[in-house]
Structures are given as structure tokens and as C-alpha cells.
N, C-alpha and C. Protein backbone atom coordinates (compact mmCIF):
# COMPACT_ATOMS: atom_id res chain seq x y z
N MET A 1 -42.18 133.18 1.47
CA MET A 1 -40.83 134.29 2.09
C MET A 1 -41.27 134.26 3.79
N ASP A 2 -39.79 134.02 4.02
CA ASP A 2 -40.62 135.20 5.44
C ASP A 2 -39.94 136.12 5.92
N THR A 3 -41.01 136.65 6.30
CA THR A 3 -41.06 138.32 6.13
C THR A 3 -40.61 138.57 8.10
N VAL A 4 -40.40 137.80 8.76
CA VAL A 4 -40.49 137.97 9.68
C VAL A 4 -38.63 138.10 10.34
N THR A 5 -37.83 137.82 9.37
CA THR A 5 -36.41 138.07 9.85
C THR A 5 -35.84 139.03 9.63
N ASN A 6 -34.80 138.96 11.05
CA ASN A 6 -34.32 140.01 11.24
C ASN A 6 -35.80 141.09 12.07
N LYS A 7 -36.22 140.49 12.64
CA LYS A 7 -37.52 141.86 12.63
C LYS A 7 -37.67 141.66 14.49
N ARG A 8 -38.34 142.51 15.25
CA ARG A 8 -38.67 142.06 15.97
C ARG A 8 -39.83 142.38 16.57
N LEU A 9 -40.61 142.08 17.53
CA LEU A 9 -42.49 142.74 17.46
C LEU A 9 -42.20 143.18 19.43
N ILE A 10 -41.88 144.73 19.49
CA ILE A 10 -42.50 145.14 20.54
C ILE A 10 -43.37 146.33 21.39
N VAL A 11 -44.09 145.60 22.28
CA VAL A 11 -44.65 146.36 22.98
C VAL A 11 -44.68 147.27 24.03
N GLU A 12 -44.95 148.44 24.11
CA GLU A 12 -44.05 149.38 25.68
C GLU A 12 -45.81 149.88 26.11
N PHE A 13 -45.93 149.26 27.07
CA PHE A 13 -47.30 149.87 27.56
C PHE A 13 -46.54 150.89 29.51
N SER A 14 -47.74 151.22 29.87
CA SER A 14 -47.78 151.72 31.61
C SER A 14 -49.57 151.94 31.15
N GLY A 15 -49.51 151.90 33.02
CA GLY A 15 -51.25 151.36 33.33
C GLY A 15 -50.48 151.08 34.64
N TRP A 16 -51.92 150.82 35.30
CA TRP A 16 -52.32 150.08 36.71
C TRP A 16 -53.05 149.43 36.41
N MET A 17 -53.22 148.22 37.74
CA MET A 17 -54.45 147.15 37.45
C MET A 17 -54.70 147.00 38.62
N GLU A 18 -56.36 147.13 39.19
CA GLU A 18 -56.94 146.19 40.41
C GLU A 18 -57.00 144.62 39.99
N CYS A 19 -55.98 143.84 40.79
CA CYS A 19 -55.83 142.69 40.65
C CYS A 19 -57.22 141.94 41.52
N ASP A 20 -57.87 140.78 40.41
CA ASP A 20 -58.19 140.22 41.06
C ASP A 20 -57.74 139.02 42.88
N PRO A 21 -58.02 139.11 44.50
CA PRO A 21 -56.76 138.35 44.86
C PRO A 21 -56.99 137.11 44.85
N GLU A 22 -58.72 136.43 44.19
CA GLU A 22 -58.58 135.03 44.02
C GLU A 22 -58.06 134.21 42.76
N LYS A 23 -57.95 135.55 42.22
CA LYS A 23 -57.45 135.42 40.24
C LYS A 23 -56.50 135.52 39.80
N THR A 24 -55.30 135.53 40.29
CA THR A 24 -54.05 136.23 40.68
C THR A 24 -53.07 135.29 41.53
N GLU A 25 -52.03 135.42 40.51
CA GLU A 25 -51.61 134.21 40.85
C GLU A 25 -49.77 134.51 40.90
N PHE A 26 -48.74 134.43 42.17
CA PHE A 26 -47.44 134.98 42.17
C PHE A 26 -46.88 133.40 42.23
N GLN A 27 -45.53 133.38 41.75
CA GLN A 27 -45.04 132.51 41.56
C GLN A 27 -43.58 132.18 42.60
N TYR A 28 -42.71 131.24 43.05
CA TYR A 28 -41.98 131.83 44.13
C TYR A 28 -40.82 131.25 43.27
N ILE A 29 -39.62 132.84 44.09
CA ILE A 29 -38.74 132.50 43.24
C ILE A 29 -37.36 132.47 44.10
N GLY A 30 -37.67 132.00 45.78
CA GLY A 30 -36.66 132.16 45.98
C GLY A 30 -36.07 131.34 46.42
N GLY A 31 -35.32 131.30 47.07
CA GLY A 31 -33.47 130.35 47.55
C GLY A 31 -34.46 128.49 47.75
N ASP A 32 -33.59 127.95 47.64
CA ASP A 32 -33.34 126.38 47.71
C ASP A 32 -34.41 125.56 48.04
N PRO A 33 -34.06 125.90 49.82
CA PRO A 33 -34.44 125.37 51.47
C PRO A 33 -35.95 125.70 51.34
N VAL A 34 -36.58 126.63 50.73
CA VAL A 34 -38.13 126.44 51.30
C VAL A 34 -39.03 126.01 50.03
N GLU A 35 -38.36 125.16 48.35
CA GLU A 35 -38.61 124.66 47.34
C GLU A 35 -38.68 123.47 48.45
N ASP A 36 -37.69 123.01 48.66
CA ASP A 36 -37.49 121.47 49.15
C ASP A 36 -38.09 121.43 49.90
N PHE A 37 -38.22 121.87 51.03
CA PHE A 37 -39.44 121.61 51.42
C PHE A 37 -40.74 121.62 51.69
N LEU A 38 -41.21 122.47 50.96
CA LEU A 38 -42.58 122.56 49.67
C LEU A 38 -43.06 121.64 49.13
N GLY A 39 -41.96 121.45 48.24
CA GLY A 39 -42.10 120.37 47.31
C GLY A 39 -41.68 121.00 45.81
N GLY A 40 -41.26 121.89 45.45
CA GLY A 40 -40.78 122.56 43.83
C GLY A 40 -41.41 123.75 43.87
N ASP A 41 -42.28 123.33 42.56
CA ASP A 41 -42.97 124.50 41.88
C ASP A 41 -44.39 125.11 42.39
N ILE A 42 -44.16 126.16 43.47
CA ILE A 42 -44.35 126.45 44.55
C ILE A 42 -45.36 127.83 43.57
N HIS A 43 -46.80 127.98 43.93
CA HIS A 43 -47.62 129.13 43.67
C HIS A 43 -48.58 129.48 44.45
N VAL A 44 -48.98 131.55 44.63
CA VAL A 44 -50.03 131.07 45.64
C VAL A 44 -50.74 132.32 44.84
N THR A 45 -52.03 132.14 45.57
CA THR A 45 -53.02 133.56 44.67
C THR A 45 -52.63 134.86 45.54
N GLY A 46 -53.02 136.03 45.10
CA GLY A 46 -53.12 136.83 45.12
C GLY A 46 -53.77 136.97 46.64
N LYS A 47 -54.45 136.46 46.86
CA LYS A 47 -55.05 136.68 48.74
C LYS A 47 -54.16 136.24 49.85
N GLU A 48 -53.37 135.18 48.62
CA GLU A 48 -52.04 134.35 49.79
C GLU A 48 -50.89 135.18 49.82
N TYR A 49 -50.87 135.67 49.06
CA TYR A 49 -49.85 136.91 48.83
C TYR A 49 -49.87 137.76 49.60
N MET A 50 -51.20 138.63 49.66
CA MET A 50 -51.01 139.59 50.73
C MET A 50 -51.04 139.67 52.19
N THR A 51 -51.04 138.35 52.66
CA THR A 51 -50.72 137.58 53.89
C THR A 51 -49.31 137.63 54.10
N LEU A 52 -48.62 137.39 52.86
CA LEU A 52 -47.09 137.38 53.17
C LEU A 52 -46.55 138.79 53.91
N SER A 53 -45.53 138.95 54.57
CA SER A 53 -44.71 139.62 55.12
C SER A 53 -43.64 140.65 54.20
N PRO A 54 -43.66 141.61 53.29
CA PRO A 54 -42.87 142.34 52.72
C PRO A 54 -41.83 141.17 52.34
N GLU A 55 -40.93 140.65 53.11
CA GLU A 55 -39.42 139.69 53.03
C GLU A 55 -40.23 139.03 53.07
N GLU A 56 -41.10 138.46 52.72
CA GLU A 56 -41.91 136.99 52.18
C GLU A 56 -42.32 137.26 50.69
N GLN A 57 -43.00 138.37 50.40
CA GLN A 57 -43.61 138.45 49.12
C GLN A 57 -42.80 139.17 48.24
N ASP A 58 -40.49 139.52 48.56
CA ASP A 58 -39.57 139.27 47.42
C ASP A 58 -39.43 138.22 47.14
N ASN A 59 -40.05 136.83 47.95
CA ASN A 59 -39.16 136.08 46.86
C ASN A 59 -40.80 135.53 46.38
N PHE A 60 -41.25 136.31 45.53
CA PHE A 60 -42.53 135.90 44.57
C PHE A 60 -42.44 136.95 43.87
N ILE A 61 -42.74 136.15 42.00
CA ILE A 61 -42.98 137.13 41.27
C ILE A 61 -44.42 136.82 40.47
N LEU A 62 -45.47 137.73 39.92
CA LEU A 62 -46.24 137.37 39.13
C LEU A 62 -46.02 136.61 38.46
N LYS A 63 -47.46 135.54 38.45
CA LYS A 63 -47.02 134.57 36.86
C LYS A 63 -46.85 134.97 36.12
N CYS A 64 -48.40 135.64 35.43
CA CYS A 64 -48.87 135.82 34.34
C CYS A 64 -49.46 137.68 34.15
N LEU A 65 -48.68 138.79 33.46
CA LEU A 65 -49.02 139.41 33.66
C LEU A 65 -50.33 139.68 32.46
N GLY A 66 -50.07 139.37 31.43
CA GLY A 66 -52.14 138.92 30.87
C GLY A 66 -52.69 138.57 31.29
N GLU A 67 -52.95 137.22 32.09
CA GLU A 67 -53.57 136.52 32.34
C GLU A 67 -54.38 137.50 33.61
N THR A 68 -53.43 138.42 34.38
CA THR A 68 -54.53 138.85 35.72
C THR A 68 -54.95 140.73 35.20
N TYR A 69 -53.97 140.68 33.62
CA TYR A 69 -55.05 142.14 32.53
C TYR A 69 -56.09 141.53 32.77
N ILE A 70 -56.03 140.15 32.10
CA ILE A 70 -57.59 140.29 31.50
C ILE A 70 -58.77 139.42 33.23
N ASP A 71 -58.20 139.08 33.93
CA ASP A 71 -58.98 139.39 35.15
C ASP A 71 -59.21 140.40 36.33
N ALA A 72 -58.37 140.95 35.77
CA ALA A 72 -58.59 142.53 36.65
C ALA A 72 -59.54 143.07 36.95
N LEU A 73 -60.24 143.83 38.19
CA LEU A 73 -60.98 143.86 38.77
C LEU A 73 -61.34 145.58 38.22
N ASP A 74 -60.27 146.22 37.81
CA ASP A 74 -60.33 147.70 37.02
C ASP A 74 -58.75 147.76 36.41
N VAL A 75 -59.14 148.63 35.24
CA VAL A 75 -57.39 148.53 34.63
C VAL A 75 -57.57 150.54 34.26
N GLY A 76 -56.61 150.49 33.98
CA GLY A 76 -56.25 152.22 33.44
C GLY A 76 -54.56 152.00 33.23
N LEU A 77 -54.86 151.82 31.35
CA LEU A 77 -53.95 151.88 30.41
C LEU A 77 -53.31 152.93 30.44
N ASN A 78 -52.34 153.21 30.18
CA ASN A 78 -52.37 154.96 30.15
C ASN A 78 -51.87 155.07 28.53
N HIS A 79 -50.33 153.81 27.90
CA HIS A 79 -50.24 154.27 27.08
C HIS A 79 -49.79 152.48 26.71
N CYS A 80 -49.83 152.13 25.69
CA CYS A 80 -50.19 150.86 24.23
C CYS A 80 -49.42 151.37 22.99
N ASP A 81 -48.21 151.31 22.88
CA ASP A 81 -47.75 151.23 21.37
C ASP A 81 -47.07 149.22 21.51
N VAL A 82 -47.67 148.70 20.20
CA VAL A 82 -47.28 148.25 19.51
C VAL A 82 -46.62 148.31 17.55
N GLU A 83 -44.98 148.14 18.31
CA GLU A 83 -43.78 148.64 16.90
C GLU A 83 -43.42 147.04 16.64
N VAL A 84 -42.90 147.09 14.85
CA VAL A 84 -42.22 146.02 14.86
C VAL A 84 -40.51 146.88 13.90
N ASP A 85 -39.50 146.22 15.08
CA ASP A 85 -38.33 147.36 14.74
C ASP A 85 -37.55 146.17 13.56
N GLU A 86 -36.84 146.97 12.83
CA GLU A 86 -36.07 146.32 12.17
C GLU A 86 -34.76 145.71 13.30
N LEU A 87 -33.85 144.65 12.46
CA LEU A 87 -33.25 144.55 13.43
C LEU A 87 -31.35 144.89 12.90
């Protein structure tokens, strides 16, 4: 019997991380001209991200929160709840 039909798994959290610049990755989400110029799927390390201007940083998002958390130098998880909600 499928016991997860009509349910959803929710994780609610808040906190902070001191990221390892060498292990943290960001993915480019900006406009096409830079993607075309640099050849498609663009990733930069945290170290490279830190050298970008605020305007350039706006073109990137954190690639994976989970991996960043695992590789973090220090963390402060203030709140973390896991819930199973009925739809």
C-alpha cells in the first residue's frame, strides 16, 4: 500500500553557515550573452564568487544548500523541524 500518496514532506529551518570558499559552488543564472560567451553551464567556487562585484554576484545562486552545509567551516542551526503534511 502506498502510504505517501496525498502527503508532503516539509523541512523548515533557519540558521547560518560559514562557508568554505574552496568547496562552495555557485551556478550562473544570468542572461544568455555571458553563457554563450563562456560556453553554457557556468559554475564558480566561493573564492571566485567573492571576487565578483555585487552586480555580477546577482547572476549566480548557491548550487546546493545541502553540500554547502556539509562542507561548512562552522554552522549555527537555530531551528529545524521536519513535518509530514496531509494534502
